[in-house]
Amino acid sequence: MSHILAIGIATLDIINTVATYPSEDSEVRALSQQIRRGGNATNTLVILSQLGHQCSWGGVWVDEPDGQKILADLVHYKIDIRYCHCLSEGKMPTSYITINQANGSRTIVHHRNLPEFSLLDFQQIELSQFDWLHFEGRHISDTLIMLQQVKRDGVNITISVEIEKPRANITQLFPYADVLLFSKSYAQSHAYQNAPDFLMAIRAQVQSALLICAWGEKGGYALDKDNQLLHSPAITGKIIDTLGAGDTFNAGIIHNLCQKKTLAYALQHACQLAGQKCMQQGLII
């Protein structure tokens, strides 16, 4: 299996499940509450570790009670944290999540007051040991220089970048990725109502990367380097918890491409994993 490094965040997720989403200025009782580790990069690593890969996380971690909970979960899933920037003061980012039991939707209020994983942190890592490098598309100024450094140094490593949210100058990251993983919400924020049109528009900007977009209940779409459009349907069933479904989808893509599977196969398996995740609580596969 492959040695994979992901650069991004970990959070403490406080998850309240309610019968239906509350109206403004109302008071409702939660049906259940869970407190667990979250964060896009670490979610993806947890899935990849369960699939047999050697996984390392580059992020910022604080040695405080919430940080200890997060650390314990990462250790449980055999995630290597030696490359993290560890702080003795501060608080881990927290996501307050409301899950609507009626339809499985989730609403997130996120609080963050923590520095990002910096270029200096990144430059302390010996990249030649890794087979795959995965970035969250955030902290654009430093992430751009990190990507440029990898390309400039000629390290033989595949790079994927997750593009989840519209951020200023995020398109500057596109040319440096071998695999671009887009969210439905990112496409819709640019007025695209279907994945094929969106991916073809991105191809006009990026000539060589594999372009992939998860589209919820419509499954996943991809555009290969020959501009062949691929589609795999979503796996249907009772929706229990969609939290982390996109991160699971991304892990499925990375896992299969690491194993030299075809893009079509990777897309199909990623949809299966994401569908399985939506029909259960948590990220155990």
Protein backbone atom coordinates (compact mmCIF):
# COMPACT_ATOMS: atom_id res chain seq x y z
CA MET A 1 0.00 0.00 0.00
CA SER A 2 0.96 3.66 -0.31
CA HIS A 3 2.40 6.22 2.10
CA ILE A 4 0.07 9.23 2.05
CA LEU A 5 0.49 12.68 3.60
CA ALA A 6 -2.54 14.98 3.96
CA ILE A 7 -2.28 18.67 4.78
CA GLY A 8 -5.38 20.17 6.41
CA ILE A 9 -7.33 20.46 9.61
CA ALA A 10 -8.75 18.38 12.43
CA THR A 11 -11.73 19.56 14.44
CA LEU A 12 -13.86 18.60 17.39
CA ASP A 13 -17.37 17.88 16.10
CA ILE A 14 -20.33 18.30 18.47
CA ILE A 15 -23.21 16.61 16.66
CA ASN A 16 -26.85 17.00 17.67
CA THR A 17 -29.48 14.90 15.89
CA VAL A 18 -32.97 16.42 15.81
CA ALA A 19 -36.28 15.08 14.48
CA THR A 20 -36.61 17.98 12.02
CA TYR A 21 -34.53 21.08 11.50
CA PRO A 22 -35.62 23.78 13.96
CA SER A 23 -37.10 27.06 12.85
CA GLU A 24 -35.41 30.30 13.84
CA ASP A 25 -35.85 31.37 17.46
CA SER A 26 -37.21 27.97 18.50
CA GLU A 27 -36.10 25.53 21.19
CA VAL A 28 -35.95 21.80 20.47
CA ARG A 29 -34.65 18.74 22.25
CA ALA A 30 -31.87 16.75 20.58
CA LEU A 31 -32.62 13.08 20.00
CA SER A 32 -28.95 12.27 20.53
CA GLN A 33 -25.57 13.92 20.81
CA GLN A 34 -22.13 12.72 19.73
CA ILE A 35 -18.73 14.29 20.21
CA ARG A 36 -16.10 13.06 17.75
CA ARG A 37 -13.12 14.12 15.68
CA GLY A 38 -13.75 15.75 12.33
CA GLY A 39 -11.95 17.77 9.68
CA ASN A 40 -11.66 17.04 5.97
CA ALA A 41 -8.03 15.96 5.81
CA THR A 42 -8.12 13.74 8.87
CA ASN A 43 -11.46 12.20 7.83
CA THR A 44 -9.94 11.20 4.51
CA LEU A 45 -6.86 9.77 6.25
CA VAL A 46 -9.01 7.69 8.62
CA ILE A 47 -10.71 6.02 5.64
CA LEU A 48 -7.40 5.52 3.83
CA SER A 49 -5.84 3.98 6.94
CA GLN A 50 -8.70 1.50 7.19
CA LEU A 51 -8.07 0.62 3.53
CA GLY A 52 -4.51 -0.33 4.45
CA HIS A 53 -2.44 2.75 3.63
CA GLN A 54 0.28 4.31 5.79
CA CYS A 55 -1.10 7.74 6.62
CA SER A 56 0.47 10.92 7.99
CA TRP A 57 -1.18 14.21 8.90
CA GLY A 58 0.27 17.70 8.56
CA GLY A 59 -1.84 20.13 10.57
CA VAL A 60 -1.99 22.18 13.74
CA TRP A 61 -2.76 20.42 17.02
CA VAL A 62 -3.21 21.93 20.49
CA ASP A 63 -2.33 20.06 23.68
CA GLU A 64 -5.59 20.69 25.54
CA PRO A 65 -8.59 18.45 26.44
CA ASP A 66 -10.29 18.66 23.03
CA GLY A 67 -6.94 18.18 21.33
CA GLN A 68 -6.35 15.06 23.42
CA LYS A 69 -9.69 13.61 22.25
CA ILE A 70 -8.70 14.26 18.65
CA LEU A 71 -5.24 12.80 19.16
CA ALA A 72 -6.66 9.64 20.73
CA ASP A 73 -8.91 9.08 17.72
CA LEU A 74 -6.07 9.59 15.25
CA VAL A 75 -3.84 7.20 17.19
CA HIS A 76 -6.67 4.64 17.23
CA TYR A 77 -6.72 4.76 13.41
CA LYS A 78 -2.90 4.63 13.19
CA ILE A 79 -2.50 8.14 11.77
CA ASP A 80 1.08 9.41 12.14
CA ILE A 81 1.11 12.93 13.64
CA ARG A 82 4.86 13.53 13.85
CA TYR A 83 4.65 16.30 11.22
CA CYS A 84 2.01 18.32 13.07
CA HIS A 85 2.71 21.74 14.48
CA CYS A 86 1.95 21.25 18.18
CA LEU A 87 0.89 24.20 20.35
CA SER A 88 0.75 24.33 24.15
CA GLU A 89 -1.92 27.05 24.21
CA GLY A 90 -5.14 27.65 22.31
CA LYS A 91 -8.21 25.61 21.39
CA MET A 92 -8.89 23.15 18.62
CA PRO A 93 -11.40 24.25 15.97
CA THR A 94 -14.95 23.20 16.83
CA SER A 95 -17.86 22.39 14.51
CA TYR A 96 -21.39 22.50 15.92
CA ILE A 97 -23.42 20.21 13.68
CA THR A 98 -27.18 19.72 13.50
CA ILE A 99 -28.34 16.56 11.72
CA ASN A 100 -31.94 16.41 10.55
CA GLN A 101 -33.12 12.84 11.15
CA ALA A 102 -35.95 13.31 8.64
CA ASN A 103 -33.65 13.62 5.63
CA GLY A 104 -30.06 13.21 6.84
CA SER A 105 -29.06 16.81 6.07
CA ARG A 106 -26.46 18.52 8.25
CA THR A 107 -25.97 22.16 9.12
CA ILE A 108 -22.57 23.24 10.45
CA VAL A 109 -21.51 26.25 12.49
CA HIS A 110 -17.71 26.27 12.63
CA HIS A 111 -15.53 28.18 15.08
CA ARG A 112 -11.80 28.50 14.46
CA ASN A 113 -9.17 30.62 16.19
CA LEU A 114 -6.00 28.74 15.37
CA PRO A 115 -3.12 29.37 12.96
CA GLU A 116 -2.95 27.32 9.78
CA PHE A 117 -0.26 24.75 9.00
CA SER A 118 2.41 26.99 7.55
CA LEU A 119 4.91 26.86 4.73
CA LEU A 120 7.71 26.64 7.33
CA ASP A 121 6.01 23.59 8.89
CA PHE A 122 5.73 21.99 5.47
CA GLN A 123 9.36 22.60 4.62
CA GLN A 124 10.46 20.48 7.58
CA ILE A 125 8.95 17.33 5.99
CA GLU A 126 11.04 14.96 3.87
CA LEU A 127 8.62 14.45 0.99
CA SER A 128 10.54 11.74 -0.86
CA GLN A 129 9.17 9.09 1.52
CA PHE A 130 5.58 9.67 0.35
CA ASP A 131 3.71 8.27 -2.65
CA TRP A 132 0.76 10.67 -2.50
CA LEU A 133 0.29 14.20 -1.17
CA HIS A 134 -3.24 15.47 -0.50
CA PHE A 135 -4.12 19.10 0.26
CA GLU A 136 -7.26 20.79 1.45
CA GLY A 137 -7.79 23.83 -0.75
CA ARG A 138 -7.41 26.38 2.06
CA HIS A 139 -4.84 28.91 3.31
CA ILE A 140 -4.23 29.61 -0.36
CA SER A 141 -1.10 31.77 -0.17
CA ASP A 142 1.01 29.18 1.69
CA THR A 143 -0.58 26.18 -0.03
CA LEU A 144 0.31 27.63 -3.43
CA ILE A 145 3.98 27.93 -2.45
CA MET A 146 3.93 24.38 -1.04
CA LEU A 147 2.63 23.04 -4.34
CA GLN A 148 5.14 25.08 -6.32
CA GLN A 149 7.94 23.74 -4.12
CA VAL A 150 6.93 20.13 -4.74
CA LYS A 151 6.89 20.68 -8.50
CA ARG A 152 10.15 22.66 -8.45
CA ASP A 153 11.96 20.01 -6.41
CA GLY A 154 10.94 17.31 -8.86
CA VAL A 155 9.70 14.95 -6.14
CA ASN A 156 8.03 11.90 -7.70
CA ILE A 157 4.76 12.21 -5.82
CA THR A 158 1.14 12.44 -6.95
CA ILE A 159 -0.71 15.54 -5.74
CA SER A 160 -4.43 15.81 -5.11
CA VAL A 161 -6.20 18.98 -4.04
CA GLU A 162 -9.69 19.12 -2.55
CA ILE A 163 -11.68 22.14 -3.75
CA GLU A 164 -14.64 22.27 -1.38
CA LYS A 165 -15.42 25.95 -0.89
CA PRO A 166 -14.98 29.08 -2.99
CA ARG A 167 -12.01 30.99 -1.60
CA ALA A 168 -10.15 33.99 -2.95
CA ASN A 169 -7.47 32.95 -5.48
CA ILE A 170 -8.17 29.22 -5.07
CA THR A 171 -7.93 28.71 -8.83
CA GLN A 172 -4.18 29.42 -8.53
CA LEU A 173 -3.82 25.94 -7.04
CA PHE A 174 -5.38 24.14 -10.02
CA PRO A 175 -2.33 23.89 -12.34
CA TYR A 176 -0.21 22.14 -9.71
CA ALA A 177 -2.54 19.21 -9.00
CA ASP A 178 -2.55 15.81 -10.68
CA VAL A 179 -6.04 15.18 -9.28
CA LEU A 180 -8.61 17.88 -8.52
CA LEU A 181 -11.50 16.85 -6.26
CA PHE A 182 -14.42 19.28 -6.47
CA SER A 183 -17.55 19.49 -4.34
CA LYS A 184 -21.06 20.02 -5.66
CA SER A 185 -21.34 23.18 -3.57
CA TYR A 186 -18.22 24.64 -5.20
CA ALA A 187 -19.64 24.02 -8.66
CA GLN A 188 -23.00 25.52 -7.71
CA SER A 189 -21.30 28.57 -6.23
CA HIS A 190 -20.12 29.24 -9.79
CA ALA A 191 -23.68 28.86 -11.15
CA TYR A 192 -23.26 25.34 -12.56
CA GLN A 193 -26.28 23.09 -12.07
CA ASN A 194 -24.71 19.87 -13.32
CA ALA A 195 -21.29 18.27 -13.02
CA PRO A 196 -20.55 17.63 -16.74
CA ASP A 197 -20.83 21.30 -17.69
CA PHE A 198 -18.76 22.30 -14.69
CA LEU A 199 -15.98 19.81 -15.41
CA MET A 200 -15.77 20.84 -19.06
CA ALA A 201 -15.45 24.47 -17.98
CA ILE A 202 -12.64 23.55 -15.59
CA ARG A 203 -10.90 21.60 -18.37
CA ALA A 204 -10.57 24.85 -20.28
CA GLN A 205 -8.46 26.12 -17.35
CA VAL A 206 -6.56 22.92 -16.47
CA GLN A 207 -5.25 20.75 -19.28
CA SER A 208 -3.70 17.69 -17.67
CA ALA A 209 -5.24 16.92 -14.26
CA LEU A 210 -7.89 14.31 -13.56
CA LEU A 211 -11.06 16.27 -12.72
CA ILE A 212 -13.54 14.71 -10.31
CA CYS A 213 -16.76 16.02 -8.80
CA ALA A 214 -19.09 14.33 -6.30
CA TRP A 215 -22.72 15.32 -6.91
CA GLY A 216 -24.65 13.92 -3.95
CA GLU A 217 -27.61 11.75 -4.86
CA LYS A 218 -26.59 11.83 -8.53
CA GLY A 219 -23.30 10.08 -7.79
CA GLY A 220 -19.86 11.03 -9.02
CA TYR A 221 -18.50 12.42 -12.27
CA ALA A 222 -14.99 12.60 -13.67
CA LEU A 223 -13.18 13.88 -16.73
CA ASP A 224 -10.08 11.94 -17.70
CA LYS A 225 -7.05 13.32 -19.51
CA ASP A 226 -8.61 12.45 -22.88
CA ASN A 227 -11.71 14.45 -21.91
CA GLN A 228 -13.83 11.34 -21.61
CA LEU A 229 -16.70 11.99 -19.21
CA LEU A 230 -17.28 9.25 -16.64
CA HIS A 231 -20.22 8.80 -14.30
CA SER A 232 -21.05 6.42 -11.47
CA PRO A 233 -24.46 6.45 -9.75
CA ALA A 234 -24.86 6.97 -6.03
CA ILE A 235 -25.57 3.99 -3.81
CA THR A 236 -29.10 4.45 -2.50
CA GLY A 237 -30.54 3.54 0.88
CA LYS A 238 -31.82 5.16 4.06
CA ILE A 239 -29.71 8.22 4.78
CA ILE A 240 -28.47 8.23 8.37
CA ASP A 241 -25.52 10.63 8.42
CA THR A 242 -23.97 12.50 5.50
CA LEU A 243 -21.22 14.05 7.63
CA GLY A 244 -17.88 13.12 6.08
CA ALA A 245 -19.38 11.62 2.91
CA GLY A 246 -17.32 13.88 0.65
CA ASP A 247 -14.15 13.07 2.57
CA THR A 248 -14.94 9.36 2.21
CA PHE A 249 -15.52 9.80 -1.53
CA ASN A 250 -12.15 11.52 -1.85
CA ALA A 251 -10.47 8.69 0.05
CA GLY A 252 -12.01 6.17 -2.34
CA ILE A 253 -10.57 8.02 -5.33
CA ILE A 254 -7.11 8.31 -3.79
CA HIS A 255 -7.08 4.67 -2.66
CA ASN A 256 -7.85 3.28 -6.08
CA LEU A 257 -5.58 5.60 -8.02
CA CYS A 258 -2.75 4.68 -5.64
CA GLN A 259 -3.41 1.08 -6.63
CA LYS A 260 -3.24 2.01 -10.33
CA LYS A 261 -6.92 1.25 -10.90
CA THR A 262 -8.70 2.97 -13.75
CA LEU A 263 -10.44 6.27 -13.11
CA ALA A 264 -13.78 4.62 -13.90
CA TYR A 265 -13.17 1.94 -11.27
CA ALA A 266 -11.99 4.54 -8.73
CA LEU A 267 -15.15 6.58 -9.31
CA GLN A 268 -17.41 3.57 -8.84
CA HIS A 269 -15.70 2.44 -5.64
CA ALA A 270 -15.66 6.00 -4.25
CA CYS A 271 -19.42 6.24 -4.75
CA GLN A 272 -19.89 2.89 -3.01
CA LEU A 273 -17.82 3.98 -0.02
CA ALA A 274 -19.61 7.34 0.24
CA GLY A 275 -23.01 5.65 -0.02
CA GLN A 276 -22.09 3.14 2.67
CA LYS A 277 -20.93 6.01 4.89
CA CYS A 278 -24.24 7.88 4.47
CA MET A 279 -26.19 4.85 5.68
CA GLN A 280 -24.35 4.70 9.00
CA GLN A 281 -22.95 6.86 11.76
CA GLY A 282 -19.23 7.61 11.68
CA LEU A 283 -16.39 6.65 9.38
CA ILE A 284 -15.90 2.94 10.10
CA ILE A 285 -15.82 0.92 6.87
